[in-house]
N, C-alpha and C. Protein backbone atom coordinates (compact mmCIF):
# COMPACT_ATOMS: atom_id res chain seq x y z
N UNK A 1 0.82 -1.17 0.00
CA UNK A 1 0.00 0.00 0.00
C UNK A 1 0.87 1.24 0.00
N UNK A 2 0.28 2.29 -0.57
CA UNK A 2 1.03 3.54 -0.68
C UNK A 2 0.97 4.28 0.64
N UNK A 3 2.08 4.90 0.93
CA UNK A 3 2.16 5.67 2.17
C UNK A 3 1.48 7.02 1.96
N UNK A 4 0.88 7.51 3.00
CA UNK A 4 0.21 8.80 2.94
C UNK A 4 1.24 9.92 2.98
N UNK A 5 1.00 10.97 2.13
CA UNK A 5 1.89 12.14 2.12
C UNK A 5 1.39 13.08 3.20
N UNK A 6 2.30 13.60 4.02
CA UNK A 6 1.87 14.54 5.07
C UNK A 6 1.22 15.78 4.44
N UNK A 7 0.34 16.39 5.15
CA UNK A 7 -0.46 17.52 4.65
C UNK A 7 0.41 18.70 4.26
N UNK A 8 1.45 19.00 5.03
CA UNK A 8 2.27 20.17 4.70
C UNK A 8 3.06 19.95 3.40
N UNK A 9 3.47 18.70 3.10
CA UNK A 9 4.17 18.41 1.86
C UNK A 9 3.20 18.46 0.69
N UNK A 10 1.99 18.01 0.88
CA UNK A 10 0.98 18.04 -0.19
C UNK A 10 0.64 19.49 -0.53
N UNK A 11 0.56 20.35 0.49
CA UNK A 11 0.25 21.76 0.27
C UNK A 11 1.38 22.44 -0.52
N UNK A 12 2.62 22.12 -0.18
CA UNK A 12 3.77 22.67 -0.88
C UNK A 12 3.78 22.17 -2.33
N UNK A 13 3.43 20.92 -2.53
CA UNK A 13 3.35 20.35 -3.88
C UNK A 13 2.28 21.08 -4.70
N UNK A 14 1.15 21.39 -4.09
CA UNK A 14 0.07 22.11 -4.77
C UNK A 14 0.51 23.53 -5.14
N UNK A 15 1.24 24.21 -4.25
CA UNK A 15 1.73 25.56 -4.55
C UNK A 15 2.68 25.52 -5.74
N UNK A 16 3.57 24.54 -5.75
CA UNK A 16 4.51 24.41 -6.85
C UNK A 16 3.76 24.19 -8.16
N UNK A 17 2.72 23.39 -8.15
CA UNK A 17 1.91 23.14 -9.35
C UNK A 17 1.23 24.43 -9.81
N UNK A 18 0.70 25.19 -8.88
CA UNK A 18 0.05 26.45 -9.22
C UNK A 18 1.04 27.44 -9.83
N UNK A 19 2.22 27.49 -9.27
CA UNK A 19 3.24 28.40 -9.79
C UNK A 19 3.64 27.98 -11.19
N UNK A 20 3.86 26.70 -11.41
CA UNK A 20 4.24 26.22 -12.72
C UNK A 20 3.14 26.47 -13.76
N UNK A 21 1.92 26.23 -13.40
CA UNK A 21 0.79 26.48 -14.30
C UNK A 21 0.69 27.97 -14.62
N UNK A 22 0.89 28.80 -13.60
CA UNK A 22 0.85 30.25 -13.80
C UNK A 22 1.96 30.70 -14.74
N UNK A 23 3.16 30.14 -14.59
CA UNK A 23 4.27 30.49 -15.47
C UNK A 23 3.99 30.07 -16.91
N UNK A 24 3.44 28.90 -17.10
CA UNK A 24 3.10 28.44 -18.45
C UNK A 24 2.07 29.37 -19.08
N UNK A 25 1.05 29.73 -18.32
CA UNK A 25 0.02 30.63 -18.83
C UNK A 25 0.62 32.00 -19.15
N UNK A 26 1.50 32.50 -18.29
CA UNK A 26 2.15 33.77 -18.52
C UNK A 26 3.00 33.72 -19.80
N UNK A 27 3.72 32.65 -20.01
CA UNK A 27 4.53 32.50 -21.21
C UNK A 27 3.64 32.47 -22.46
N UNK A 28 2.51 31.80 -22.38
CA UNK A 28 1.58 31.77 -23.50
C UNK A 28 1.03 33.16 -23.80
N UNK A 29 0.70 33.91 -22.77
CA UNK A 29 0.17 35.26 -22.95
C UNK A 29 1.24 36.14 -23.61
N UNK A 30 2.48 36.04 -23.17
CA UNK A 30 3.57 36.83 -23.76
C UNK A 30 3.77 36.44 -25.22
N UNK A 31 3.76 35.16 -25.53
CA UNK A 31 3.94 34.71 -26.90
C UNK A 31 2.81 35.21 -27.79
N UNK A 32 1.59 35.17 -27.30
CA UNK A 32 0.44 35.66 -28.07
C UNK A 32 0.55 37.16 -28.29
N UNK A 33 0.98 37.88 -27.28
CA UNK A 33 1.12 39.34 -27.40
C UNK A 33 2.19 39.71 -28.43
N UNK A 34 3.31 39.00 -28.42
CA UNK A 34 4.37 39.25 -29.39
C UNK A 34 3.85 38.99 -30.80
N UNK A 35 3.12 37.91 -30.97
CA UNK A 35 2.54 37.60 -32.28
C UNK A 35 1.53 38.67 -32.70
N UNK A 36 0.77 39.15 -31.75
CA UNK A 36 -0.22 40.18 -32.05
C UNK A 36 0.46 41.47 -32.54
N UNK A 37 1.54 41.86 -31.88
CA UNK A 37 2.26 43.07 -32.28
C UNK A 37 2.84 42.89 -33.68
N UNK A 38 3.40 41.74 -33.95
CA UNK A 38 3.97 41.46 -35.27
C UNK A 38 2.89 41.50 -36.34
N UNK A 39 1.77 40.91 -36.08
CA UNK A 39 0.67 40.91 -37.04
C UNK A 39 0.12 42.32 -37.25
N UNK A 40 0.07 43.13 -36.21
CA UNK A 40 -0.42 44.50 -36.33
C UNK A 40 0.51 45.32 -37.22
N UNK A 41 1.82 45.11 -37.07
CA UNK A 41 2.78 45.81 -37.94
C UNK A 41 2.57 45.42 -39.40
N UNK A 42 2.43 44.12 -39.64
CA UNK A 42 2.19 43.66 -41.01
C UNK A 42 0.90 44.25 -41.56
N UNK A 43 -0.13 44.29 -40.74
CA UNK A 43 -1.41 44.84 -41.17
C UNK A 43 -1.25 46.31 -41.54
N UNK A 44 -0.53 47.07 -40.72
CA UNK A 44 -0.32 48.49 -41.00
C UNK A 44 0.46 48.68 -42.31
N UNK A 45 1.49 47.85 -42.52
CA UNK A 45 2.27 47.93 -43.76
C UNK A 45 1.39 47.62 -44.97
N UNK A 46 0.59 46.59 -44.87
CA UNK A 46 -0.28 46.22 -45.98
C UNK A 46 -1.35 47.29 -46.23
N UNK A 47 -1.85 47.90 -45.17
CA UNK A 47 -2.85 48.96 -45.34
C UNK A 47 -2.23 50.16 -46.05
N UNK A 48 -1.00 50.52 -45.68
CA UNK A 48 -0.32 51.63 -46.36
C UNK A 48 -0.07 51.30 -47.82
N UNK A 49 0.36 50.08 -48.08
CA UNK A 49 0.60 49.66 -49.47
C UNK A 49 -0.70 49.66 -50.27
N UNK A 50 -1.78 49.24 -49.64
CA UNK A 50 -3.08 49.24 -50.31
C UNK A 50 -3.48 50.67 -50.68
N UNK A 51 -3.25 51.62 -49.77
CA UNK A 51 -3.58 53.02 -50.06
C UNK A 51 -2.75 53.55 -51.23
N UNK A 52 -1.46 53.22 -51.24
CA UNK A 52 -0.59 53.65 -52.35
C UNK A 52 -1.07 53.06 -53.67
N UNK A 53 -1.40 51.78 -53.66
CA UNK A 53 -1.85 51.13 -54.89
C UNK A 53 -3.20 51.66 -55.36
N UNK A 54 -4.07 51.97 -54.42
CA UNK A 54 -5.36 52.55 -54.78
C UNK A 54 -5.17 53.91 -55.43
N UNK A 55 -4.27 54.72 -54.87
CA UNK A 55 -3.98 56.03 -55.47
C UNK A 55 -3.37 55.86 -56.86
N UNK A 56 -2.49 54.89 -57.02
CA UNK A 56 -1.87 54.64 -58.33
C UNK A 56 -2.92 54.19 -59.34
N UNK A 57 -3.86 53.36 -58.91
CA UNK A 57 -4.93 52.90 -59.81
C UNK A 57 -5.79 54.07 -60.24
N UNK A 58 -6.14 54.95 -59.31
CA UNK A 58 -6.95 56.12 -59.66
C UNK A 58 -6.21 57.02 -60.64
N UNK A 59 -4.91 57.20 -60.41
CA UNK A 59 -4.10 58.03 -61.31
C UNK A 59 -4.07 57.42 -62.71
N UNK A 60 -3.86 56.11 -62.78
CA UNK A 60 -3.82 55.45 -64.09
C UNK A 60 -5.18 55.45 -64.78
N UNK A 61 -6.25 55.34 -64.02
CA UNK A 61 -7.59 55.42 -64.61
C UNK A 61 -7.83 56.80 -65.21
N UNK A 62 -7.39 57.84 -64.49
CA UNK A 62 -7.53 59.20 -64.99
C UNK A 62 -6.70 59.37 -66.26
N UNK A 63 -5.48 58.86 -66.24
CA UNK A 63 -4.60 58.95 -67.41
C UNK A 63 -5.22 58.20 -68.60
N UNK A 64 -5.79 57.04 -68.35
CA UNK A 64 -6.44 56.26 -69.40
C UNK A 64 -7.59 57.05 -70.02
N UNK A 65 -8.37 57.69 -69.17
CA UNK A 65 -9.49 58.50 -69.67
C UNK A 65 -8.98 59.65 -70.52
N UNK A 66 -7.88 60.30 -70.07
CA UNK A 66 -7.30 61.39 -70.86
C UNK A 66 -6.81 60.88 -72.21
N UNK A 67 -6.22 59.70 -72.22
CA UNK A 67 -5.74 59.13 -73.48
C UNK A 67 -6.90 58.79 -74.42
N UNK A 68 -7.99 58.28 -73.87
CA UNK A 68 -9.17 57.99 -74.69
C UNK A 68 -9.74 59.28 -75.27
N UNK A 69 -9.77 60.32 -74.42
CA UNK A 69 -10.27 61.61 -74.89
C UNK A 69 -9.36 62.16 -75.99
N UNK A 70 -8.05 62.04 -75.82
CA UNK A 70 -7.12 62.51 -76.85
C UNK A 70 -7.28 61.68 -78.13
N UNK A 71 -7.50 60.39 -78.00
CA UNK A 71 -7.70 59.54 -79.17
C UNK A 71 -8.95 59.98 -79.94
N UNK A 72 -10.01 60.32 -79.21
CA UNK A 72 -11.23 60.82 -79.88
C UNK A 72 -10.94 62.15 -80.57
N UNK A 73 -10.15 63.01 -79.91
CA UNK A 73 -9.83 64.33 -80.45
C UNK A 73 -8.98 64.20 -81.72
N UNK A 74 -8.06 63.23 -81.74
CA UNK A 74 -7.20 63.09 -82.91
C UNK A 74 -7.98 62.66 -84.16
N UNK A 75 -9.17 62.17 -83.99
CA UNK A 75 -9.98 61.74 -85.13
C UNK A 75 -10.84 62.89 -85.70
N UNK A 76 -10.73 64.07 -85.08
CA UNK A 76 -11.55 65.20 -85.55
C UNK A 76 -10.82 65.98 -86.63
N UNK A 77 -11.59 66.75 -87.36
CA UNK A 77 -11.05 67.59 -88.43
C UNK A 77 -10.21 68.73 -87.83
N UNK A 78 -10.65 69.24 -86.71
CA UNK A 78 -9.94 70.34 -86.06
C UNK A 78 -8.51 69.94 -85.72
N UNK A 79 -8.32 68.74 -85.22
CA UNK A 79 -6.97 68.26 -84.88
C UNK A 79 -6.11 68.16 -86.14
N UNK A 80 -6.67 67.64 -87.22
CA UNK A 80 -5.93 67.52 -88.46
C UNK A 80 -5.49 68.90 -88.97
N UNK A 81 -6.37 69.90 -88.85
CA UNK A 81 -6.03 71.26 -89.26
C UNK A 81 -4.91 71.83 -88.39
N UNK A 82 -5.00 71.62 -87.09
CA UNK A 82 -3.96 72.13 -86.19
C UNK A 82 -2.60 71.53 -86.52
N UNK A 83 -2.57 70.22 -86.74
CA UNK A 83 -1.30 69.56 -87.06
C UNK A 83 -0.77 70.08 -88.39
N UNK A 84 -1.65 70.25 -89.36
CA UNK A 84 -1.22 70.75 -90.67
C UNK A 84 -0.66 72.17 -90.56
N UNK A 85 -1.25 73.00 -89.74
CA UNK A 85 -0.77 74.37 -89.56
C UNK A 85 0.54 74.40 -88.79
N UNK A 86 0.63 73.67 -87.69
CA UNK A 86 1.81 73.75 -86.83
C UNK A 86 3.02 73.02 -87.42
N UNK A 87 2.83 71.84 -87.90
CA UNK A 87 3.98 71.03 -88.32
C UNK A 87 4.30 71.18 -89.81
N UNK A 88 3.28 71.38 -90.60
CA UNK A 88 3.52 71.45 -92.04
C UNK A 88 3.49 72.88 -92.58
N UNK A 89 3.02 73.81 -91.76
CA UNK A 89 2.97 75.21 -92.19
C UNK A 89 1.88 75.51 -93.19
N UNK A 90 0.89 74.67 -93.31
CA UNK A 90 -0.20 74.90 -94.26
C UNK A 90 -1.17 75.94 -93.71
N UNK A 91 -1.84 76.65 -94.65
CA UNK A 91 -2.82 77.67 -94.26
C UNK A 91 -4.09 77.47 -95.08
N UNK A 92 -5.17 78.07 -94.59
CA UNK A 92 -6.44 78.05 -95.33
C UNK A 92 -6.35 79.04 -96.49
N UNK A 93 -7.22 78.84 -97.46
CA UNK A 93 -7.29 79.79 -98.58
C UNK A 93 -7.66 81.16 -98.04
N UNK A 94 -6.94 82.18 -98.45
CA UNK A 94 -7.24 83.54 -98.06
C UNK A 94 -6.57 83.96 -96.76
N UNK A 95 -5.89 83.09 -96.07
CA UNK A 95 -5.19 83.46 -94.83
C UNK A 95 -3.86 84.09 -95.17
N UNK A 96 -3.49 85.06 -94.37
CA UNK A 96 -2.20 85.71 -94.53
C UNK A 96 -1.35 85.34 -93.32
N UNK A 97 -0.15 84.87 -93.57
CA UNK A 97 0.74 84.44 -92.50
C UNK A 97 1.81 85.51 -92.33
N UNK A 98 1.96 86.00 -91.12
CA UNK A 98 3.01 86.97 -90.81
C UNK A 98 4.10 86.24 -90.05
N UNK A 99 5.33 86.37 -90.53
CA UNK A 99 6.46 85.75 -89.86
C UNK A 99 7.37 86.85 -89.34
N UNK A 100 7.98 86.65 -88.18
CA UNK A 100 8.89 87.67 -87.65
C UNK A 100 10.14 87.77 -88.51
N UNK A 101 10.68 88.95 -88.56
CA UNK A 101 11.90 89.18 -89.31
C UNK A 101 13.06 88.61 -88.52
N UNK A 102 13.76 87.65 -89.07
CA UNK A 102 14.84 86.99 -88.35
C UNK A 102 16.10 87.84 -88.29
N UNK A 103 16.27 88.79 -89.20
CA UNK A 103 17.47 89.61 -89.22
C UNK A 103 17.46 90.62 -88.08
N UNK A 104 16.34 91.21 -87.79
CA UNK A 104 16.27 92.26 -86.75
C UNK A 104 15.95 91.67 -85.40
N UNK A 105 15.50 90.44 -85.37
CA UNK A 105 15.18 89.80 -84.10
C UNK A 105 13.85 90.21 -83.53
N UNK A 106 13.00 90.80 -84.33
CA UNK A 106 11.69 91.22 -83.83
C UNK A 106 10.65 90.17 -84.06
């Protein structure tokens, strides 16, 4: 038969168990807190990156719309006339073109 453990030794054994359980729980809480802080940092980084990408998408959408608008404009007669006047030096019938005098610099 097993011998009985004296009450004062059993009480000391129980205290030791409580302390060990408390330490394990404390270590788990610390580990969870460290993980939480790490995850919060990652979340903040991803949120900032998401904001940057959203702004870039909006900028590119605006640029795309401007390009579509310019593409529509290039198909008009007015655009063809402007290009002909600026790059080719063409004029309408009856127009008089004044050019600055290059010798005097005026």
